[in-house]
Amino acid sequence: MFEKSTWIRLPRNVVVGHGVLGKAVDAVTELHLHGRPLIVTSPTPRKLAADPIAAEFEARGAEPELIEVESASFESIQAVIDLAREIEPGFLVGVGGGTAIDIAKLAAEEVDRGFVSVPTAASHDGIVSGRASVPDGDTRHSVAAEPPLAVVADTEILANAPWELTTAGCADIISNYTAVMDWRLANRLKNVEYSEYAAALSEMTAEILVDNAEMVRPGLEESAWVVTKALVSSGVAMSIAGSSRPASGAEHLFSHQLDRLEPGAALHGHQVGVGSIMTAYLHGGDRGIWQEIRDALESIDAPTTAAELGIDDETVIEALTTCHEVRNRYTILGDGMSERAARAVAKTTGVIA
């Protein structure tokens, strides 16, 4: 008897393009969301986007409440939750980069309210996914959270974000290649639940950026358009899968371990990009996939070596040999690598000297 079922939660409105910030309130209105908006943002995104959105809500008779967060800490998350419980908003709006959006997303999940995502940097696929990054000591973990009901991504704002944030978003997407490889391996060896549709969408997303890497250049709205569409697709793939598997494999474990060993040394997307080079090699060093990943990262000015990450060679080796312990997720790393094997992989792929 067939008893399988699934519940997929996807954004109802995705608005991407030039000048669409002015359509944010329209996107919310179309969802028939009622009540007071609670806008979660940080200092720079506040000036760029949150204040204009708040002014538009106010002009239409709403009474928006705005809160600034500085960092993705438990204290910041709790502050937003406490405020939400106090004012009982109709919905939350996250305006900014990863920090503001993840905090708004987590708070929305906690207080059972709708959530709208307004990214000001194309730095990660969390702008549309039902996952959020939460602090855990010196590292971070991905947890289930409220996915956005709407996404409003203004390419004019995104194109003017710091270039390194855009390249980090690109690298994060390109790493989907190895995440899907790990997912298939876990399905074959450990019978982990697997979705062909989510995997195909995730791989296609990575291919978009690899095939169009030469188009991704600083200050170009078309580049922001390509990257944002890829980030949206990656987030949708995770929603379809019901987990972060389509976009998180051994390369993410490597990044999480780097965060523990060298907190704040490099951006998450850049770290997973470098991790993806090495894990792609482990999946089949003679197939050239790791070289394609490396070439694409180089083309968009993303780091491909430990030195470019600002991390010493020995830290890379330590992370590679211990990152399988970060979480219970089967990947190409299995139950761990020896130091000798890790050093050989990192040297062969050019990650260390």
Protein backbone atom coordinates (compact mmCIF):
# COMPACT_ATOMS: atom_id res chain seq x y z
CA MET A 1 0.00 0.00 0.00
CA PHE A 2 1.42 3.40 -0.98
CA GLU A 3 1.59 5.71 2.06
CA LYS A 4 4.26 8.23 1.11
CA SER A 5 3.43 11.93 1.52
CA THR A 6 5.23 15.25 1.59
CA TRP A 7 4.53 18.87 2.50
CA ILE A 8 6.43 21.43 0.42
CA ARG A 9 6.41 25.06 1.55
CA LEU A 10 7.47 27.50 -1.18
CA PRO A 11 7.34 31.30 -1.57
CA ARG A 12 4.10 32.51 -3.15
CA ASN A 13 5.64 35.70 -4.54
CA VAL A 14 9.20 36.06 -5.84
CA VAL A 15 9.91 39.55 -7.15
CA VAL A 16 13.37 40.04 -8.68
CA GLY A 17 14.74 42.88 -10.80
CA HIS A 18 15.60 46.53 -11.15
CA GLY A 19 13.84 48.86 -8.72
CA VAL A 20 11.54 46.22 -7.25
CA LEU A 21 12.13 47.42 -3.68
CA GLY A 22 9.22 49.79 -4.31
CA LYS A 23 7.00 46.75 -4.91
CA ALA A 24 7.73 45.12 -1.54
CA VAL A 25 4.56 46.36 0.12
CA ASP A 26 2.53 45.36 -2.94
CA ALA A 27 3.99 41.85 -2.72
CA VAL A 28 2.91 41.67 0.93
CA THR A 29 -0.54 43.13 0.25
CA GLU A 30 -1.17 40.51 -2.43
CA LEU A 31 -0.59 37.80 0.16
CA HIS A 32 -3.44 39.22 2.27
CA LEU A 33 -1.18 39.50 5.29
CA HIS A 34 -2.79 41.65 7.96
CA GLY A 35 -1.62 43.33 11.12
CA ARG A 36 1.43 45.28 12.09
CA PRO A 37 4.69 44.53 10.25
CA LEU A 38 7.81 43.82 12.31
CA ILE A 39 10.88 44.70 10.23
CA VAL A 40 14.18 43.07 11.22
CA THR A 41 17.28 44.68 9.77
CA SER A 42 20.84 45.84 10.48
CA PRO A 43 22.44 49.31 10.25
CA THR A 44 23.51 49.56 6.59
CA PRO A 45 20.52 47.67 5.11
CA ARG A 46 18.26 49.89 7.21
CA LYS A 47 19.27 52.97 5.25
CA LEU A 48 19.23 51.17 1.91
CA ALA A 49 15.97 49.31 2.15
CA ALA A 50 14.31 48.93 5.56
CA ASP A 51 13.52 52.61 6.14
CA PRO A 52 11.95 53.05 2.66
CA ILE A 53 9.85 49.91 3.17
CA ALA A 54 8.77 51.09 6.62
CA ALA A 55 7.82 54.49 5.17
CA GLU A 56 5.70 52.83 2.48
CA PHE A 57 3.91 50.66 5.04
CA GLU A 58 3.23 53.77 7.13
CA ALA A 59 1.91 55.67 4.09
CA ARG A 60 -0.59 52.87 3.56
CA GLY A 61 -1.90 53.03 7.11
CA ALA A 62 0.18 50.28 8.74
CA GLU A 63 2.24 50.95 11.86
CA PRO A 64 5.56 49.16 11.25
CA GLU A 65 7.89 48.34 14.11
CA LEU A 66 11.59 48.18 13.24
CA ILE A 67 14.40 46.48 15.14
CA GLU A 68 18.12 46.49 14.32
CA VAL A 69 20.32 43.46 14.97
CA GLU A 70 24.11 43.53 14.95
CA SER A 71 25.06 39.87 14.90
CA ALA A 72 23.55 36.41 14.53
CA SER A 73 23.61 35.58 18.23
CA PHE A 74 21.12 33.89 20.52
CA GLU A 75 20.69 37.25 22.25
CA SER A 76 19.67 38.91 18.97
CA ILE A 77 17.28 36.10 18.10
CA GLN A 78 15.70 36.26 21.55
CA ALA A 79 15.38 40.06 21.37
CA VAL A 80 13.35 39.80 18.16
CA ILE A 81 11.21 36.99 19.58
CA ASP A 82 10.55 38.99 22.75
CA LEU A 83 9.55 42.07 20.73
CA ALA A 84 7.30 39.97 18.49
CA ARG A 85 5.53 38.52 21.52
CA GLU A 86 5.11 42.00 22.96
CA ILE A 87 3.65 43.75 19.90
CA GLU A 88 2.04 40.68 18.26
CA PRO A 89 2.82 41.60 14.63
CA GLY A 90 0.84 40.25 11.73
CA PHE A 91 4.07 39.19 9.97
CA LEU A 92 7.83 39.73 9.96
CA VAL A 93 10.04 41.22 7.24
CA GLY A 94 13.76 40.43 7.15
CA VAL A 95 15.73 43.15 5.36
CA GLY A 96 19.48 42.75 4.87
CA GLY A 97 22.06 40.02 4.54
CA GLY A 98 22.20 36.60 6.14
CA THR A 99 22.03 37.83 9.72
CA ALA A 100 18.80 39.83 9.55
CA ILE A 101 17.03 37.34 7.31
CA ASP A 102 17.94 34.30 9.40
CA ILE A 103 16.94 36.02 12.65
CA ALA A 104 13.60 37.15 11.20
CA LYS A 105 13.05 33.66 9.85
CA LEU A 106 13.74 31.99 13.20
CA ALA A 107 11.59 34.48 15.08
CA ALA A 108 8.73 33.97 12.62
CA GLU A 109 8.94 30.24 13.21
CA GLU A 110 8.89 30.72 16.99
CA VAL A 111 5.89 33.07 17.11
CA ASP A 112 4.03 31.39 14.24
CA ARG A 113 3.86 34.35 11.88
CA GLY A 114 4.45 34.77 8.15
CA PHE A 115 7.86 35.93 6.96
CA VAL A 116 8.95 38.08 3.99
CA SER A 117 12.56 38.12 2.77
CA VAL A 118 14.14 41.29 1.35
CA PRO A 119 17.85 40.58 0.72
CA THR A 120 20.32 43.42 0.21
CA ALA A 121 23.21 41.10 -0.67
CA ALA A 122 23.25 37.93 -2.80
CA SER A 123 25.47 36.16 -0.31
CA HIS A 124 23.66 32.87 0.39
CA ASP A 125 20.65 30.74 -0.53
CA GLY A 126 18.98 31.32 2.83
CA ILE A 127 17.09 34.25 1.28
CA VAL A 128 14.44 31.79 0.11
CA SER A 129 14.96 28.50 1.96
CA GLY A 130 13.22 27.05 4.98
CA ARG A 131 16.59 26.76 6.73
CA ALA A 132 18.39 29.19 9.02
CA SER A 133 21.91 29.34 10.41
CA VAL A 134 22.12 29.49 14.20
CA PRO A 135 25.19 30.04 16.39
CA ASP A 136 26.67 27.15 18.34
CA GLY A 137 29.83 28.21 20.13
CA ASP A 138 32.40 29.02 17.48
CA THR A 139 30.43 27.45 14.66
CA ARG A 140 26.94 27.51 13.21
CA HIS A 141 24.29 24.93 12.37
CA SER A 142 21.51 24.83 9.81
CA VAL A 143 18.06 24.30 11.33
CA ALA A 144 14.52 24.20 10.01
CA ALA A 145 12.77 27.57 10.12
CA GLU A 146 9.90 29.51 8.60
CA PRO A 147 10.39 29.81 4.80
CA PRO A 148 9.47 33.17 3.28
CA LEU A 149 6.00 33.78 1.90
CA ALA A 150 7.54 36.32 -0.45
CA VAL A 151 11.01 37.31 -1.66
CA VAL A 152 11.74 40.81 -2.96
CA ALA A 153 15.25 41.12 -4.44
CA ASP A 154 16.18 44.45 -5.99
CA THR A 155 19.08 43.85 -8.39
CA GLU A 156 20.11 47.51 -8.24
CA ILE A 157 20.78 47.16 -4.51
CA LEU A 158 22.30 43.70 -4.86
CA ALA A 159 24.69 44.83 -7.62
CA ASN A 160 26.05 47.55 -5.33
CA ALA A 161 26.62 45.25 -2.36
CA PRO A 162 30.24 44.47 -1.44
CA TRP A 163 31.64 42.29 -4.23
CA GLU A 164 32.97 39.68 -1.83
CA LEU A 165 29.42 39.00 -0.60
CA THR A 166 28.29 38.28 -4.16
CA THR A 167 31.24 35.98 -4.84
CA ALA A 168 30.48 34.17 -1.58
CA GLY A 169 26.91 33.61 -2.76
CA CYS A 170 28.20 32.29 -6.09
CA ALA A 171 30.62 29.92 -4.38
CA ASP A 172 27.87 28.67 -2.09
CA ILE A 173 25.75 27.80 -5.14
CA ILE A 174 28.62 26.21 -7.08
CA SER A 175 29.20 23.91 -4.10
CA ASN A 176 25.78 22.36 -4.80
CA TYR A 177 27.65 20.08 -7.22
CA THR A 178 29.38 18.22 -4.42
CA ALA A 179 26.43 18.46 -2.04
CA VAL A 180 24.31 16.48 -4.51
CA MET A 181 27.15 13.99 -5.09
CA ASP A 182 27.23 13.36 -1.34
CA TRP A 183 23.45 13.08 -1.19
CA ARG A 184 23.39 10.42 -3.91
CA LEU A 185 26.20 8.54 -2.18
CA ALA A 186 24.32 8.62 1.13
CA ASN A 187 21.21 7.34 -0.64
CA ARG A 188 23.11 4.42 -2.20
CA LEU A 189 25.10 3.44 0.89
CA LYS A 190 22.88 4.49 3.79
CA ASN A 191 19.41 4.57 2.21
CA VAL A 192 19.05 8.29 3.01
CA GLU A 193 15.83 9.68 1.55
CA TYR A 194 16.55 11.24 -1.84
CA SER A 195 14.61 13.43 -4.26
CA GLU A 196 15.55 13.30 -7.95
CA TYR A 197 13.66 16.53 -8.58
CA ALA A 198 15.38 18.47 -5.79
CA ALA A 199 18.78 17.07 -6.78
CA ALA A 200 18.29 17.96 -10.46
CA LEU A 201 17.19 21.50 -9.57
CA SER A 202 20.19 21.96 -7.30
CA GLU A 203 22.64 20.71 -9.93
CA MET A 204 21.06 22.90 -12.58
CA THR A 205 21.49 25.87 -10.28
CA ALA A 206 25.21 25.17 -9.92
CA GLU A 207 25.52 24.73 -13.68
CA ILE A 208 23.93 28.14 -14.26
CA LEU A 209 26.76 29.80 -12.39
CA VAL A 210 29.56 27.61 -13.77
CA ASP A 211 28.36 28.17 -17.34
CA ASN A 212 27.88 31.92 -16.80
CA ALA A 213 30.84 32.60 -14.52
CA GLU A 214 32.38 35.01 -17.05
CA MET A 215 29.21 37.15 -16.81
CA VAL A 216 29.46 37.61 -13.04
CA ARG A 217 31.28 40.91 -12.61
CA PRO A 218 31.23 43.69 -9.99
CA GLY A 219 28.56 46.36 -10.25
CA LEU A 220 26.55 44.68 -13.02
CA GLU A 221 22.83 44.26 -12.41
CA GLU A 222 22.74 41.40 -14.89
CA SER A 223 25.23 39.57 -12.68
CA ALA A 224 23.03 40.19 -9.65
CA TRP A 225 20.08 38.87 -11.68
CA VAL A 226 21.87 35.60 -12.56
CA VAL A 227 23.15 35.04 -9.03
CA THR A 228 19.82 35.83 -7.35
CA LYS A 229 17.89 33.48 -9.63
CA ALA A 230 20.38 30.75 -8.77
CA LEU A 231 20.04 31.43 -5.03
CA VAL A 232 16.26 31.27 -5.30
CA SER A 233 16.43 27.94 -7.16
CA SER A 234 18.78 26.50 -4.55
CA GLY A 235 16.48 27.54 -1.73
CA VAL A 236 13.50 26.00 -3.52
CA ALA A 237 15.43 22.74 -3.94
CA MET A 238 15.93 22.57 -0.17
CA SER A 239 12.23 23.24 0.41
CA ILE A 240 11.30 20.43 -1.98
CA ALA A 241 13.73 18.04 -0.28
CA GLY A 242 12.63 19.05 3.20
CA SER A 243 16.28 19.29 4.24
CA SER A 244 19.52 21.11 3.38
CA ARG A 245 20.86 18.02 1.58
CA PRO A 246 20.62 19.51 -1.97
CA ALA A 247 22.98 22.31 -0.94
CA SER A 248 25.02 20.98 1.96
CA GLY A 249 27.49 18.12 1.98
CA ALA A 250 31.07 17.52 3.04
CA GLU A 251 32.09 20.96 1.79
CA HIS A 252 29.76 22.52 4.38
CA LEU A 253 31.11 20.28 7.14
CA PHE A 254 34.58 21.53 6.18
CA SER A 255 33.38 25.14 6.44
CA HIS A 256 31.72 24.58 9.81
CA GLN A 257 34.94 23.08 11.17
CA LEU A 258 36.96 26.02 9.85
CA ASP A 259 34.59 28.27 11.77
CA ARG A 260 35.51 26.42 14.95
CA LEU A 261 39.23 26.47 14.29
CA GLU A 262 39.49 30.01 12.83
CA PRO A 263 36.30 31.92 13.69
CA GLY A 264 35.60 34.79 11.31
CA ALA A 265 38.61 34.14 9.09
CA ALA A 266 36.60 33.93 5.87
CA LEU A 267 33.05 34.10 4.54
CA HIS A 268 30.97 30.93 4.66
CA GLY A 269 30.44 30.83 0.89
CA HIS A 270 34.14 31.17 0.19
CA GLN A 271 34.96 28.37 2.61
CA VAL A 272 32.45 25.94 1.09
CA GLY A 273 33.77 26.82 -2.37
CA VAL A 274 37.27 25.73 -1.41
CA GLY A 275 35.84 22.67 0.34
CA SER A 276 33.94 21.80 -2.82
CA ILE A 277 37.15 21.71 -4.86
CA MET A 278 38.60 19.05 -2.56
CA THR A 279 35.45 16.98 -2.10
CA ALA A 280 34.81 16.97 -5.86
CA TYR A 281 38.30 15.50 -6.26
CA LEU A 282 37.45 12.78 -3.74
CA HIS A 283 34.33 11.90 -5.73
CA GLY A 284 36.40 11.31 -8.85
CA GLY A 285 39.74 13.02 -9.34
CA ASP A 286 40.11 11.90 -12.92
CA ARG A 287 36.79 13.37 -14.15
CA GLY A 288 37.86 17.00 -14.07
CA ILE A 289 34.84 18.22 -12.11
CA TRP A 290 37.04 19.64 -9.35
CA GLN A 291 38.98 21.59 -11.98
CA GLU A 292 35.76 23.01 -13.45
CA ILE A 293 34.71 24.14 -9.98
CA ARG A 294 38.11 25.68 -9.34
CA ASP A 295 38.10 27.49 -12.71
CA ALA A 296 34.60 28.88 -12.10
CA LEU A 297 35.58 30.14 -8.65
CA GLU A 298 38.70 31.79 -10.05
CA SER A 299 36.64 33.43 -12.79
CA ILE A 300 34.40 35.18 -10.25
CA ASP A 301 37.33 36.18 -8.00
CA ALA A 302 36.36 33.73 -5.26
CA PRO A 303 39.13 32.10 -3.20
CA THR A 304 40.47 28.72 -4.31
CA THR A 305 43.36 28.31 -1.86
CA ALA A 306 43.94 28.38 1.88
CA ALA A 307 46.09 31.49 1.49
CA GLU A 308 43.29 33.32 -0.31
CA LEU A 309 40.93 32.39 2.52
CA GLY A 310 43.44 33.81 4.99
CA ILE A 311 43.84 30.40 6.64
CA ASP A 312 47.10 28.51 7.07
CA ASP A 313 47.69 25.12 5.46
CA GLU A 314 47.72 23.16 8.71
CA THR A 315 44.31 24.48 9.72
CA VAL A 316 42.91 23.24 6.40
CA ILE A 317 44.36 19.78 7.05
CA GLU A 318 42.97 19.70 10.58
CA ALA A 319 39.54 20.77 9.36
CA LEU A 320 39.53 18.19 6.56
CA THR A 321 40.49 15.33 8.90
CA THR A 322 38.01 16.19 11.66
CA CYS A 323 34.98 17.79 9.98
CA HIS A 324 33.15 14.46 9.61
CA GLU A 325 32.49 14.75 13.36
CA VAL A 326 30.56 18.04 13.02
CA ARG A 327 27.19 16.41 12.42
CA ASN A 328 25.65 13.03 11.71
CA ARG A 329 25.50 13.37 7.92
CA TYR A 330 27.02 10.76 5.64
CA THR A 331 29.31 12.20 2.96
CA ILE A 332 32.29 11.20 0.84
CA LEU A 333 34.41 11.72 3.97
CA GLY A 334 32.80 8.68 5.58
CA ASP A 335 34.25 8.17 9.05
CA GLY A 336 37.18 10.51 8.39
CA MET A 337 40.41 10.95 6.44
CA SER A 338 43.96 10.33 7.52
CA GLU A 339 46.27 13.32 7.68
CA ARG A 340 48.36 11.89 4.85
CA ALA A 341 45.32 11.49 2.58
CA ALA A 342 44.01 14.96 3.43
CA ARG A 343 47.37 16.55 2.68
CA ALA A 344 47.55 14.74 -0.66
CA VAL A 345 44.08 15.94 -1.68
CA ALA A 346 44.72 19.52 -0.63
CA LYS A 347 48.06 19.63 -2.45
CA THR A 348 46.80 17.94 -5.62
CA THR A 349 43.95 20.40 -5.93
CA GLY A 350 46.21 23.37 -5.15
CA VAL A 351 44.36 24.35 -1.99
CA ILE A 352 47.62 24.24 -0.03
CA ALA A 353 51.15 24.84 -1.26
